[in-house]
Each structure stands twice: as structure tokens, then as C-alpha cells.
Amino acid sequence: MSVLKLTSDNFEPEVLNSDKTTIVDFYADWCTPCKMMSPIIDNIAEENNNIKVGKLNVDEEENIAIKYNVMSIPTIIIFKDGKEIKRFVGVTNKEVILNELK
């Protein structure tokens, strides 16, 4: 499954109202650690059809980042049934993220 570009227009239907567990990568284009996480997030999306994966640019969607108290990037938040169930801040190993989905 491909990675969704999340915006204020589609965040609610794609994440909060999703029937699938959703991983959201809060990032910025200028952020070097975010660039390190990007291929990991892409890989998770490609290999796991049972989850939804999206990326949200905090510079473009500051209101959503503020709502979820994203203070450092990258921040990866796992949502299930519209609620945050786990958060990772900084570069995180793929297996650590996937273990939270079990």
C-alpha cells in the first residue's frame, strides 16, 4: 500500500475515522532525521496491507501537529479506532514500530 499525504482536509477521514490501524509520520522536509525515517516508513507501507500509513508535513499542517503535541520530529504516532495508542520520537527501528502493531 502506498503512503498517504495527510493534510487537514483528509486527516479525519483517513486517520481518525479509519477502520485500519494507521501510522502517521510527522515530519519536515528540512529535517535530517526525518529523511532517515522516510524509507523505513515507505517500507512499512509497502510490506503491510493490513495497516494504513501516512505522512504529515508539520510545516504545512502546523495545526494538526499542535493538536497532537508534536514537539520534536520525526514523531511517529500509531492510531487505532481514532485514538493514539503509541508514539515514537526520533529515528526508530522498523522492527520496534512493527512490534507495536502486534
Protein backbone atom coordinates (compact mmCIF):
# COMPACT_ATOMS: atom_id res chain seq x y z
CA MET A 1 0.00 0.00 0.00
CA SER A 2 1.32 3.47 -0.77
CA VAL A 3 1.95 6.21 1.77
CA LEU A 4 -0.80 8.82 2.04
CA LYS A 5 -0.03 12.53 2.12
CA LEU A 6 -2.02 13.71 5.10
CA THR A 7 -3.47 17.21 5.31
CA SER A 8 -6.11 18.99 7.36
CA ASP A 9 -8.57 18.07 4.58
CA ASN A 10 -8.09 14.31 4.83
CA PHE A 11 -6.70 13.68 8.35
CA GLU A 12 -10.05 12.97 9.96
CA PRO A 13 -11.39 10.50 7.36
CA GLU A 14 -8.04 8.80 6.70
CA VAL A 15 -6.79 8.56 10.30
CA LEU A 16 -9.44 9.25 12.91
CA ASN A 17 -12.30 7.50 11.08
CA SER A 18 -10.21 4.71 9.56
CA ASP A 19 -11.20 1.10 10.14
CA LYS A 20 -7.49 0.19 9.91
CA THR A 21 -4.68 0.85 12.35
CA THR A 22 -2.86 3.90 10.99
CA ILE A 23 0.75 5.02 11.33
CA VAL A 24 1.32 8.76 10.94
CA ASP A 25 4.81 10.12 10.34
CA PHE A 26 5.04 13.77 11.45
CA TYR A 27 8.00 15.23 9.54
CA ALA A 28 9.50 18.29 7.83
CA ASP A 29 11.42 18.43 4.55
CA TRP A 30 14.44 20.14 6.16
CA CYS A 31 14.75 17.55 8.97
CA THR A 32 17.69 15.15 8.51
CA PRO A 33 16.40 12.50 10.98
CA CYS A 34 13.05 12.68 9.15
CA LYS A 35 14.86 11.88 5.90
CA MET A 36 16.39 8.87 7.64
CA MET A 37 12.92 7.66 8.71
CA SER A 38 11.29 8.17 5.32
CA PRO A 39 12.49 4.94 3.66
CA ILE A 40 11.57 2.98 6.81
CA ILE A 41 8.02 4.39 6.74
CA ASP A 42 7.79 3.72 2.98
CA ASN A 43 8.95 0.15 3.54
CA ILE A 44 6.39 -0.46 6.31
CA ALA A 45 3.64 0.79 3.97
CA GLU A 46 4.77 -1.45 1.10
CA GLU A 47 5.02 -4.59 3.22
CA ASN A 48 1.84 -4.27 5.33
CA ASN A 49 -1.51 -4.14 3.56
CA ASN A 50 -3.42 -4.53 6.83
CA ILE A 51 -2.41 -1.07 8.07
CA LYS A 52 -2.62 2.45 6.68
CA VAL A 53 0.48 4.66 6.58
CA GLY A 54 0.55 8.42 6.13
CA LYS A 55 2.98 11.31 6.32
CA LEU A 56 2.11 14.74 7.62
CA ASN A 57 4.37 17.73 6.97
CA VAL A 58 4.39 19.75 10.21
CA ASP A 59 5.36 22.95 8.38
CA GLU A 60 2.31 22.71 6.13
CA GLU A 61 -0.11 21.32 8.77
CA GLU A 62 1.03 23.02 11.94
CA ASN A 63 -2.47 22.93 13.46
CA ILE A 64 -2.55 19.11 13.48
CA ALA A 65 0.99 18.90 14.88
CA ILE A 66 -0.02 21.25 17.70
CA LYS A 67 -3.21 19.29 18.40
CA TYR A 68 -1.16 16.11 18.91
CA ASN A 69 1.61 17.87 20.89
CA VAL A 70 4.31 17.05 18.36
CA MET A 71 7.29 18.91 19.80
CA SER A 72 10.13 17.08 18.05
CA ILE A 73 10.36 15.45 14.67
CA PRO A 74 10.26 12.85 13.42
CA THR A 75 7.36 11.73 15.57
CA ILE A 76 5.56 8.54 14.61
CA ILE A 77 2.09 8.04 16.09
CA ILE A 78 0.07 4.85 15.78
CA PHE A 79 -3.70 5.40 15.79
CA LYS A 80 -6.32 2.72 16.31
CA ASP A 81 -10.05 3.46 16.27
CA GLY A 82 -9.22 7.17 16.04
CA LYS A 83 -7.13 7.18 19.21
CA GLU A 84 -3.38 7.39 19.75
CA ILE A 85 -2.07 4.07 21.05
CA LYS A 86 1.70 4.58 20.74
CA ARG A 87 4.19 7.33 19.97
CA PHE A 88 7.84 7.23 18.90
CA VAL A 89 10.04 10.33 18.85
CA GLY A 90 13.25 10.39 16.83
CA VAL A 91 14.68 7.82 14.47
CA THR A 92 13.08 4.48 15.32
CA ASN A 93 13.89 0.97 14.18
CA LYS A 94 11.38 -0.63 11.80
CA GLU A 95 11.02 -3.73 13.98
CA VAL A 96 10.22 -1.62 17.05
CA ILE A 97 7.37 0.04 15.19
CA LEU A 98 6.07 -3.24 13.77
CA ASN A 99 6.15 -4.90 17.22
CA GLU A 100 3.65 -2.31 18.44
CA LEU A 101 1.22 -3.41 15.74
CA LYS A 102 1.01 -7.00 17.01
